[in-house]
Amino acid sequence: MTFRMGKNLQAARETLNLSPQTAALRIGVAATQVEDWETDRQQPSLAQLVLISQRLGLTPQTMLGVMVQPAPPVIGMRQQNRSMAWSATSDELRRGMLALLTQLAATLTPVQAEALMPVLNQHFVLVLEGVTSVPNITTTLGLALSKVMRQQGLRFEPAQDDIFTAIMRMTRRRV
């Protein structure tokens, strides 16, 4: 079951009071491309989501309709900063994962992007296609990124590490 994000992309564009044509000009694609994304005839790639986010000034969470909920207070335990509720549905988890992947991809340096984008793209497609659960995808993503980073001698900057940590927390979500 392929994930659909068209309604969310359209709603995000409409909050900016942009026509599909104006949004397309800002993003650097044809207006028909924007219409195809919004009607789910095509899904934007990870690189295209990064462009949409950057050129329209939208957060990945806004573009994908992620509902951010504060974690409830935990008495006697350290409270973790969670972006999604423990009771999130599979669809909400997929939206959250796509938003975090987009956010991480947007922060990569050119050297990091060359090494890590193939891994991020592969897992982005897995989330879109819904062939396995988000926790399984998260686990394989963490292993694959760690391997490539170790082989290439790369490190995340603190902000990137925060996003990566948020992605890794998705392995602990219950549906």
N, C-alpha and C. Protein backbone atom coordinates (compact mmCIF):
# COMPACT_ATOMS: atom_id res chain seq x y z
N MET A 1 0.84 -1.18 0.00
CA MET A 1 0.00 0.00 0.00
C MET A 1 0.89 1.24 0.00
N THR A 2 0.90 1.96 -1.10
CA THR A 2 1.72 3.15 -1.23
C THR A 2 1.13 4.29 -0.40
N PHE A 3 2.00 4.98 0.28
CA PHE A 3 1.61 6.12 1.12
C PHE A 3 1.20 7.29 0.23
N ARG A 4 0.16 7.98 0.61
CA ARG A 4 -0.34 9.13 -0.14
C ARG A 4 -0.11 10.40 0.67
N MET A 5 0.51 11.39 0.05
CA MET A 5 0.76 12.64 0.76
C MET A 5 0.19 13.85 0.03
N GLY A 6 -0.52 13.63 -1.07
CA GLY A 6 -1.02 14.72 -1.90
C GLY A 6 -1.88 15.73 -1.17
N LYS A 7 -2.83 15.25 -0.36
CA LYS A 7 -3.72 16.17 0.37
C LYS A 7 -2.93 17.07 1.30
N ASN A 8 -1.92 16.50 1.94
CA ASN A 8 -1.12 17.28 2.87
C ASN A 8 -0.27 18.32 2.15
N LEU A 9 0.30 17.95 1.01
CA LEU A 9 1.08 18.91 0.23
C LEU A 9 0.18 20.04 -0.28
N GLN A 10 -1.02 19.70 -0.71
CA GLN A 10 -1.95 20.71 -1.19
C GLN A 10 -2.36 21.65 -0.05
N ALA A 11 -2.67 21.08 1.10
CA ALA A 11 -3.06 21.90 2.25
C ALA A 11 -1.92 22.84 2.67
N ALA A 12 -0.68 22.32 2.66
CA ALA A 12 0.47 23.16 3.02
C ALA A 12 0.63 24.31 2.02
N ARG A 13 0.49 24.01 0.74
CA ARG A 13 0.59 25.05 -0.29
C ARG A 13 -0.52 26.09 -0.11
N GLU A 14 -1.72 25.62 0.17
CA GLU A 14 -2.85 26.53 0.32
C GLU A 14 -2.72 27.42 1.55
N THR A 15 -2.06 26.94 2.61
CA THR A 15 -1.85 27.79 3.79
C THR A 15 -0.95 28.98 3.45
N LEU A 16 -0.13 28.81 2.41
CA LEU A 16 0.73 29.91 1.96
C LEU A 16 0.04 30.78 0.91
N ASN A 17 -1.22 30.46 0.60
CA ASN A 17 -1.99 31.17 -0.43
C ASN A 17 -1.27 31.19 -1.78
N LEU A 18 -0.71 30.04 -2.15
CA LEU A 18 -0.02 29.92 -3.43
C LEU A 18 -0.84 29.06 -4.38
N SER A 19 -0.84 29.46 -5.62
CA SER A 19 -1.46 28.62 -6.66
C SER A 19 -0.47 27.50 -6.99
N PRO A 20 -0.95 26.43 -7.62
CA PRO A 20 -0.01 25.38 -8.04
C PRO A 20 1.07 25.94 -8.98
N GLN A 21 0.70 26.89 -9.81
CA GLN A 21 1.66 27.47 -10.76
C GLN A 21 2.75 28.27 -10.02
N THR A 22 2.35 29.07 -9.05
CA THR A 22 3.32 29.85 -8.29
C THR A 22 4.22 28.94 -7.47
N ALA A 23 3.64 27.93 -6.84
CA ALA A 23 4.45 26.97 -6.07
C ALA A 23 5.45 26.28 -7.00
N ALA A 24 5.00 25.88 -8.18
CA ALA A 24 5.88 25.20 -9.14
C ALA A 24 7.05 26.09 -9.53
N LEU A 25 6.78 27.39 -9.76
CA LEU A 25 7.85 28.32 -10.10
C LEU A 25 8.89 28.42 -8.99
N ARG A 26 8.41 28.50 -7.75
CA ARG A 26 9.33 28.61 -6.61
C ARG A 26 10.15 27.33 -6.43
N ILE A 27 9.52 26.19 -6.66
CA ILE A 27 10.21 24.91 -6.48
C ILE A 27 11.15 24.62 -7.65
N GLY A 28 10.76 25.09 -8.84
CA GLY A 28 11.57 24.84 -10.02
C GLY A 28 11.12 23.61 -10.80
N VAL A 29 9.81 23.35 -10.76
CA VAL A 29 9.24 22.23 -11.51
C VAL A 29 8.05 22.75 -12.32
N ALA A 30 7.53 21.92 -13.19
CA ALA A 30 6.35 22.28 -13.97
C ALA A 30 5.11 22.27 -13.08
N ALA A 31 4.14 23.10 -13.40
CA ALA A 31 2.89 23.15 -12.63
C ALA A 31 2.19 21.80 -12.65
N THR A 32 2.32 21.07 -13.75
CA THR A 32 1.71 19.74 -13.83
C THR A 32 2.33 18.79 -12.82
N GLN A 33 3.61 19.01 -12.51
CA GLN A 33 4.28 18.16 -11.51
C GLN A 33 3.66 18.38 -10.13
N VAL A 34 3.42 19.63 -9.77
CA VAL A 34 2.78 19.94 -8.48
C VAL A 34 1.39 19.32 -8.44
N GLU A 35 0.65 19.45 -9.52
CA GLU A 35 -0.70 18.87 -9.58
C GLU A 35 -0.65 17.35 -9.47
N ASP A 36 0.35 16.71 -10.10
CA ASP A 36 0.51 15.25 -10.00
C ASP A 36 0.80 14.84 -8.56
N TRP A 37 1.63 15.62 -7.85
CA TRP A 37 1.92 15.30 -6.45
C TRP A 37 0.66 15.45 -5.60
N GLU A 38 -0.08 16.53 -5.82
CA GLU A 38 -1.24 16.81 -4.98
C GLU A 38 -2.41 15.86 -5.24
N THR A 39 -2.45 15.27 -6.41
CA THR A 39 -3.51 14.30 -6.73
C THR A 39 -3.02 12.86 -6.57
N ASP A 40 -1.82 12.69 -6.05
CA ASP A 40 -1.21 11.38 -5.80
C ASP A 40 -1.01 10.54 -7.07
N ARG A 41 -0.93 11.21 -8.23
CA ARG A 41 -0.57 10.48 -9.44
C ARG A 41 0.91 10.12 -9.41
N GLN A 42 1.69 10.95 -8.72
CA GLN A 42 3.12 10.70 -8.50
C GLN A 42 3.45 11.12 -7.07
N GLN A 43 4.48 10.52 -6.52
CA GLN A 43 4.97 10.91 -5.20
C GLN A 43 6.30 11.64 -5.38
N PRO A 44 6.50 12.74 -4.67
CA PRO A 44 7.80 13.41 -4.78
C PRO A 44 8.89 12.54 -4.17
N SER A 45 10.08 12.69 -4.72
CA SER A 45 11.23 11.97 -4.16
C SER A 45 11.69 12.68 -2.89
N LEU A 46 12.62 12.08 -2.19
CA LEU A 46 13.17 12.71 -0.99
C LEU A 46 13.83 14.04 -1.34
N ALA A 47 14.59 14.08 -2.42
CA ALA A 47 15.25 15.33 -2.84
C ALA A 47 14.20 16.39 -3.19
N GLN A 48 13.10 15.98 -3.83
CA GLN A 48 12.05 16.94 -4.16
C GLN A 48 11.36 17.46 -2.91
N LEU A 49 11.14 16.61 -1.91
CA LEU A 49 10.55 17.09 -0.65
C LEU A 49 11.46 18.10 0.03
N VAL A 50 12.76 17.87 -0.04
CA VAL A 50 13.71 18.83 0.54
C VAL A 50 13.58 20.17 -0.18
N LEU A 51 13.51 20.15 -1.52
CA LEU A 51 13.34 21.39 -2.29
C LEU A 51 12.04 22.10 -1.95
N ILE A 52 10.95 21.34 -1.87
CA ILE A 52 9.66 21.94 -1.53
C ILE A 52 9.75 22.63 -0.18
N SER A 53 10.33 21.93 0.79
CA SER A 53 10.47 22.47 2.14
C SER A 53 11.29 23.76 2.13
N GLN A 54 12.43 23.71 1.47
CA GLN A 54 13.33 24.86 1.47
C GLN A 54 12.78 26.04 0.69
N ARG A 55 12.25 25.78 -0.49
CA ARG A 55 11.84 26.87 -1.37
C ARG A 55 10.48 27.47 -1.02
N LEU A 56 9.65 26.70 -0.31
CA LEU A 56 8.37 27.25 0.12
C LEU A 56 8.39 27.65 1.59
N GLY A 57 9.50 27.36 2.28
CA GLY A 57 9.62 27.74 3.69
C GLY A 57 8.71 26.94 4.60
N LEU A 58 8.50 25.68 4.27
CA LEU A 58 7.64 24.81 5.07
C LEU A 58 8.48 23.79 5.82
N THR A 59 8.07 23.46 7.03
CA THR A 59 8.76 22.38 7.72
C THR A 59 8.28 21.06 7.13
N PRO A 60 9.11 20.03 7.16
CA PRO A 60 8.65 18.72 6.69
C PRO A 60 7.40 18.25 7.43
N GLN A 61 7.31 18.56 8.71
CA GLN A 61 6.14 18.16 9.49
C GLN A 61 4.87 18.82 8.96
N THR A 62 4.95 20.11 8.61
CA THR A 62 3.80 20.81 8.06
C THR A 62 3.43 20.24 6.70
N MET A 63 4.43 20.00 5.86
CA MET A 63 4.17 19.47 4.52
C MET A 63 3.47 18.12 4.55
N LEU A 64 3.82 17.30 5.53
CA LEU A 64 3.31 15.94 5.57
C LEU A 64 2.17 15.74 6.56
N GLY A 65 1.73 16.81 7.21
CA GLY A 65 0.58 16.72 8.10
C GLY A 65 0.86 15.96 9.38
N VAL A 66 2.07 16.08 9.89
CA VAL A 66 2.43 15.39 11.14
C VAL A 66 1.84 16.16 12.30
N MET A 67 1.11 15.45 13.14
CA MET A 67 0.52 16.05 14.33
C MET A 67 1.52 15.90 15.47
N VAL A 68 2.12 17.00 15.90
CA VAL A 68 3.09 16.98 16.98
C VAL A 68 2.35 17.10 18.29
N GLN A 69 2.61 16.14 19.18
CA GLN A 69 1.95 16.14 20.48
C GLN A 69 3.01 16.09 21.56
N PRO A 70 2.87 16.92 22.59
CA PRO A 70 3.84 16.86 23.68
C PRO A 70 3.66 15.55 24.45
N ALA A 71 4.77 15.05 24.96
CA ALA A 71 4.71 13.83 25.76
C ALA A 71 4.03 14.14 27.09
N PRO A 72 3.20 13.21 27.58
CA PRO A 72 2.58 13.44 28.88
C PRO A 72 3.64 13.39 29.98
N PRO A 73 3.41 14.11 31.08
CA PRO A 73 4.40 14.08 32.15
C PRO A 73 4.52 12.66 32.71
N VAL A 74 5.75 12.28 32.99
CA VAL A 74 6.01 10.96 33.54
C VAL A 74 6.54 11.17 34.95
N ILE A 75 5.85 10.59 35.93
CA ILE A 75 6.24 10.77 37.33
C ILE A 75 7.24 9.67 37.69
N GLY A 76 8.35 10.09 38.27
CA GLY A 76 9.36 9.14 38.72
C GLY A 76 10.27 8.63 37.62
N MET A 77 10.10 9.14 36.40
CA MET A 77 10.96 8.72 35.29
C MET A 77 11.38 9.96 34.53
N ARG A 78 12.50 9.84 33.86
CA ARG A 78 12.93 10.95 33.02
C ARG A 78 11.98 11.08 31.84
N GLN A 79 11.48 12.26 31.62
CA GLN A 79 10.55 12.49 30.51
C GLN A 79 11.35 12.61 29.22
N GLN A 80 10.95 11.85 28.21
CA GLN A 80 11.61 11.93 26.92
C GLN A 80 10.83 12.87 26.02
N ASN A 81 11.55 13.58 25.21
CA ASN A 81 10.93 14.49 24.27
C ASN A 81 10.45 13.69 23.07
N ARG A 82 9.15 13.53 22.93
CA ARG A 82 8.60 12.72 21.84
C ARG A 82 7.86 13.63 20.87
N SER A 83 8.00 13.31 19.59
CA SER A 83 7.29 14.11 18.60
C SER A 83 5.94 13.52 18.27
N MET A 84 5.72 12.27 18.63
CA MET A 84 4.45 11.62 18.32
C MET A 84 3.96 10.84 19.53
N ALA A 85 2.67 10.68 19.62
CA ALA A 85 2.07 9.95 20.74
C ALA A 85 2.38 8.47 20.62
N TRP A 86 2.43 7.78 21.75
CA TRP A 86 2.65 6.33 21.75
C TRP A 86 1.53 5.60 21.03
N SER A 87 0.38 6.21 20.97
CA SER A 87 -0.77 5.56 20.34
C SER A 87 -0.89 5.92 18.86
N ALA A 88 0.16 6.45 18.27
CA ALA A 88 0.10 6.88 16.87
C ALA A 88 -0.23 5.71 15.95
N THR A 89 -1.01 6.00 14.92
CA THR A 89 -1.36 4.97 13.95
C THR A 89 -0.19 4.73 13.01
N SER A 90 -0.27 3.66 12.25
CA SER A 90 0.76 3.34 11.28
C SER A 90 0.94 4.49 10.28
N ASP A 91 -0.15 5.09 9.84
CA ASP A 91 -0.08 6.20 8.90
C ASP A 91 0.63 7.40 9.52
N GLU A 92 0.34 7.69 10.78
CA GLU A 92 1.01 8.80 11.47
C GLU A 92 2.50 8.53 11.63
N LEU A 93 2.85 7.28 11.92
CA LEU A 93 4.26 6.93 12.04
C LEU A 93 4.98 7.11 10.71
N ARG A 94 4.33 6.71 9.63
CA ARG A 94 4.93 6.87 8.31
C ARG A 94 5.12 8.34 7.98
N ARG A 95 4.12 9.17 8.29
CA ARG A 95 4.25 10.62 8.07
C ARG A 95 5.43 11.17 8.88
N GLY A 96 5.51 10.76 10.14
CA GLY A 96 6.60 11.21 11.00
C GLY A 96 7.96 10.79 10.48
N MET A 97 8.05 9.56 10.02
CA MET A 97 9.31 9.05 9.48
C MET A 97 9.70 9.80 8.21
N LEU A 98 8.75 10.02 7.31
CA LEU A 98 9.03 10.78 6.08
C LEU A 98 9.49 12.19 6.41
N ALA A 99 8.85 12.82 7.39
CA ALA A 99 9.23 14.18 7.78
C ALA A 99 10.65 14.21 8.34
N LEU A 100 10.98 13.23 9.18
CA LEU A 100 12.33 13.20 9.76
C LEU A 100 13.39 12.89 8.70
N LEU A 101 13.10 11.99 7.78
CA LEU A 101 14.04 11.71 6.70
C LEU A 101 14.27 12.96 5.86
N THR A 102 13.20 13.70 5.57
CA THR A 102 13.32 14.93 4.80
C THR A 102 14.14 15.96 5.56
N GLN A 103 13.86 16.08 6.85
CA GLN A 103 14.58 17.03 7.68
C GLN A 103 16.07 16.69 7.72
N LEU A 104 16.40 15.41 7.88
CA LEU A 104 17.81 15.00 7.92
C LEU A 104 18.47 15.25 6.58
N ALA A 105 17.82 14.89 5.48
CA ALA A 105 18.39 15.08 4.15
C ALA A 105 18.67 16.55 3.88
N ALA A 106 17.81 17.44 4.40
CA ALA A 106 17.98 18.87 4.17
C ALA A 106 19.20 19.44 4.90
N THR A 107 19.68 18.76 5.93
CA THR A 107 20.80 19.29 6.71
C THR A 107 22.15 18.73 6.29
N LEU A 108 22.16 17.79 5.35
CA LEU A 108 23.42 17.14 4.97
C LEU A 108 24.35 18.08 4.21
N THR A 109 25.62 17.99 4.53
CA THR A 109 26.63 18.70 3.75
C THR A 109 26.79 17.96 2.42
N PRO A 110 27.41 18.58 1.42
CA PRO A 110 27.61 17.87 0.14
C PRO A 110 28.36 16.54 0.29
N VAL A 111 29.36 16.50 1.13
CA VAL A 111 30.12 15.25 1.34
C VAL A 111 29.23 14.19 2.00
N GLN A 112 28.46 14.60 3.01
CA GLN A 112 27.54 13.68 3.66
C GLN A 112 26.47 13.20 2.68
N ALA A 113 25.93 14.13 1.90
CA ALA A 113 24.87 13.79 0.96
C ALA A 113 25.33 12.75 -0.04
N GLU A 114 26.53 12.91 -0.55
CA GLU A 114 27.05 11.95 -1.53
C GLU A 114 27.09 10.53 -0.95
N ALA A 115 27.47 10.42 0.30
CA ALA A 115 27.59 9.09 0.92
C ALA A 115 26.26 8.57 1.47
N LEU A 116 25.43 9.46 2.02
CA LEU A 116 24.26 9.01 2.77
C LEU A 116 22.94 9.05 2.00
N MET A 117 22.83 9.87 0.96
CA MET A 117 21.55 9.96 0.24
C MET A 117 21.09 8.64 -0.37
N PRO A 118 21.97 7.80 -0.89
CA PRO A 118 21.48 6.51 -1.39
C PRO A 118 20.78 5.69 -0.31
N VAL A 119 21.32 5.70 0.90
CA VAL A 119 20.70 4.97 2.01
C VAL A 119 19.38 5.62 2.41
N LEU A 120 19.38 6.95 2.52
CA LEU A 120 18.15 7.65 2.89
C LEU A 120 17.06 7.45 1.82
N ASN A 121 17.45 7.51 0.55
CA ASN A 121 16.48 7.30 -0.53
C ASN A 121 15.88 5.89 -0.49
N GLN A 122 16.73 4.91 -0.25
CA GLN A 122 16.25 3.52 -0.19
C GLN A 122 15.20 3.36 0.90
N HIS A 123 15.44 3.92 2.05
CA HIS A 123 14.52 3.79 3.18
C HIS A 123 13.29 4.69 3.00
N PHE A 124 13.47 5.82 2.35
CA PHE A 124 12.34 6.69 2.00
C PHE A 124 11.33 5.91 1.15
N VAL A 125 11.83 5.18 0.16
CA VAL A 125 10.96 4.38 -0.72
C VAL A 125 10.27 3.27 0.08
N LEU A 126 10.98 2.66 1.01
CA LEU A 126 10.36 1.61 1.84
C LEU A 126 9.21 2.17 2.66
N VAL A 127 9.39 3.37 3.20
CA VAL A 127 8.30 3.99 3.97
C VAL A 127 7.12 4.30 3.06
N LEU A 128 7.40 4.86 1.88
CA LEU A 128 6.32 5.18 0.94
C LEU A 128 5.54 3.93 0.53
N GLU A 129 6.26 2.86 0.24
CA GLU A 129 5.61 1.64 -0.25
C GLU A 129 4.93 0.84 0.85
N GLY A 130 5.32 1.06 2.09
CA GLY A 130 4.68 0.38 3.21
C GLY A 130 4.89 -1.13 3.21
N VAL A 131 6.04 -1.58 2.71
CA VAL A 131 6.29 -3.02 2.63
C VAL A 131 6.60 -3.65 3.98
N THR A 132 6.99 -2.84 4.93
CA THR A 132 7.27 -3.33 6.27
C THR A 132 6.98 -2.20 7.26
N SER A 133 7.05 -2.49 8.53
CA SER A 133 6.69 -1.50 9.54
C SER A 133 7.77 -0.43 9.70
N VAL A 134 7.36 0.72 10.21
CA VAL A 134 8.29 1.82 10.45
C VAL A 134 9.40 1.40 11.42
N PRO A 135 9.10 0.70 12.53
CA PRO A 135 10.21 0.27 13.40
C PRO A 135 11.23 -0.62 12.68
N ASN A 136 10.79 -1.49 11.78
CA ASN A 136 11.74 -2.32 11.03
C ASN A 136 12.58 -1.46 10.09
N ILE A 137 11.94 -0.52 9.42
CA ILE A 137 12.67 0.37 8.51
C ILE A 137 13.67 1.21 9.29
N THR A 138 13.26 1.68 10.45
CA THR A 138 14.13 2.49 11.30
C THR A 138 15.37 1.71 11.72
N THR A 139 15.17 0.47 12.09
CA THR A 139 16.29 -0.37 12.51
C THR A 139 17.28 -0.57 11.38
N THR A 140 16.79 -0.92 10.20
CA THR A 140 17.72 -1.14 9.08
C THR A 140 18.38 0.17 8.65
N LEU A 141 17.64 1.28 8.73
CA LEU A 141 18.23 2.57 8.40
C LEU A 141 19.38 2.90 9.34
N GLY A 142 19.17 2.71 10.64
CA GLY A 142 20.21 3.00 11.61
C GLY A 142 21.47 2.19 11.35
N LEU A 143 21.29 0.91 11.06
CA LEU A 143 22.44 0.05 10.77
C LEU A 143 23.15 0.48 9.49
N ALA A 144 22.38 0.76 8.45
CA ALA A 144 22.98 1.14 7.17
C ALA A 144 23.71 2.48 7.26
N LEU A 145 23.09 3.47 7.91
CA LEU A 145 23.76 4.77 8.06
C LEU A 145 25.03 4.65 8.89
N SER A 146 24.96 3.89 9.97
CA SER A 146 26.14 3.71 10.82
C SER A 146 27.28 3.07 10.04
N LYS A 147 26.97 2.08 9.22
CA LYS A 147 27.99 1.39 8.43
C LYS A 147 28.65 2.34 7.44
N VAL A 148 27.84 3.09 6.69
CA VAL A 148 28.38 4.02 5.70
C VAL A 148 29.20 5.11 6.38
N MET A 149 28.69 5.64 7.47
CA MET A 149 29.40 6.71 8.17
C MET A 149 30.74 6.22 8.72
N ARG A 150 30.74 5.01 9.25
CA ARG A 150 31.99 4.43 9.76
C ARG A 150 32.98 4.23 8.62
N GLN A 151 32.51 3.68 7.48
CA GLN A 151 33.39 3.43 6.34
C GLN A 151 33.93 4.72 5.74
N GLN A 152 33.12 5.77 5.72
CA GLN A 152 33.52 7.05 5.11
C GLN A 152 34.16 8.01 6.11
N GLY A 153 34.18 7.65 7.39
CA GLY A 153 34.74 8.52 8.41
C GLY A 153 33.91 9.78 8.63
N LEU A 154 32.59 9.65 8.51
CA LEU A 154 31.69 10.79 8.67
C LEU A 154 31.12 10.84 10.07
N ARG A 155 30.75 12.06 10.48
CA ARG A 155 30.07 12.27 11.76
C ARG A 155 28.92 13.25 11.53
N PHE A 156 27.87 13.08 12.33
CA PHE A 156 26.77 14.03 12.29
C PHE A 156 27.11 15.24 13.14
N GLU A 157 26.65 16.40 12.70
CA GLU A 157 26.69 17.61 13.52
C GLU A 157 25.63 17.44 14.62
N PRO A 158 25.70 18.23 15.70
CA PRO A 158 24.72 18.08 16.79
C PRO A 158 23.26 18.14 16.34
N ALA A 159 22.91 19.07 15.46
CA ALA A 159 21.52 19.18 15.00
C ALA A 159 21.12 17.93 14.20
N GLN A 160 22.03 17.42 13.39
CA GLN A 160 21.77 16.21 12.63
C GLN A 160 21.62 15.01 13.56
N ASP A 161 22.44 14.99 14.59
CA ASP A 161 22.37 13.90 15.56
C ASP A 161 21.02 13.89 16.29
N ASP A 162 20.48 15.08 16.57
CA ASP A 162 19.16 15.17 17.20
C ASP A 162 18.08 14.57 16.30
N ILE A 163 18.15 14.86 15.00
CA ILE A 163 17.18 14.30 14.05
C ILE A 163 17.36 12.79 13.97
N PHE A 164 18.60 12.33 13.88
CA PHE A 164 18.87 10.89 13.82
C PHE A 164 18.35 10.19 15.08
N THR A 165 18.53 10.80 16.23
CA THR A 165 18.02 10.24 17.48
C THR A 165 16.50 10.14 17.45
N ALA A 166 15.84 11.16 16.93
CA ALA A 166 14.38 11.12 16.81
C ALA A 166 13.95 9.98 15.89
N ILE A 167 14.69 9.77 14.81
CA ILE A 167 14.38 8.65 13.91
C ILE A 167 14.55 7.32 14.65
N MET A 168 15.62 7.19 15.38
CA MET A 168 15.88 5.93 16.10
C MET A 168 14.84 5.66 17.18
N ARG A 169 14.26 6.70 17.74
CA ARG A 169 13.21 6.52 18.75
C ARG A 169 11.95 5.88 18.14
N MET A 170 11.83 5.98 16.83
CA MET A 170 10.64 5.41 16.19
C MET A 170 10.63 3.88 16.26
N THR A 171 11.75 3.27 16.62
CA THR A 171 11.77 1.80 16.78
C THR A 171 10.99 1.41 18.01
N ARG A 172 10.77 2.33 18.93
CA ARG A 172 10.09 2.02 20.17
C ARG A 172 8.61 2.39 20.16
N ARG A 173 8.10 2.81 19.04
CA ARG A 173 6.69 3.17 18.96
C ARG A 173 5.83 1.92 18.93
N ARG A 174 4.71 1.99 19.60
CA ARG A 174 3.74 0.90 19.57
C ARG A 174 2.54 1.33 18.75
N VAL A 175 2.04 0.40 17.94
CA VAL A 175 0.86 0.71 17.12
C VAL A 175 -0.28 -0.15 17.60
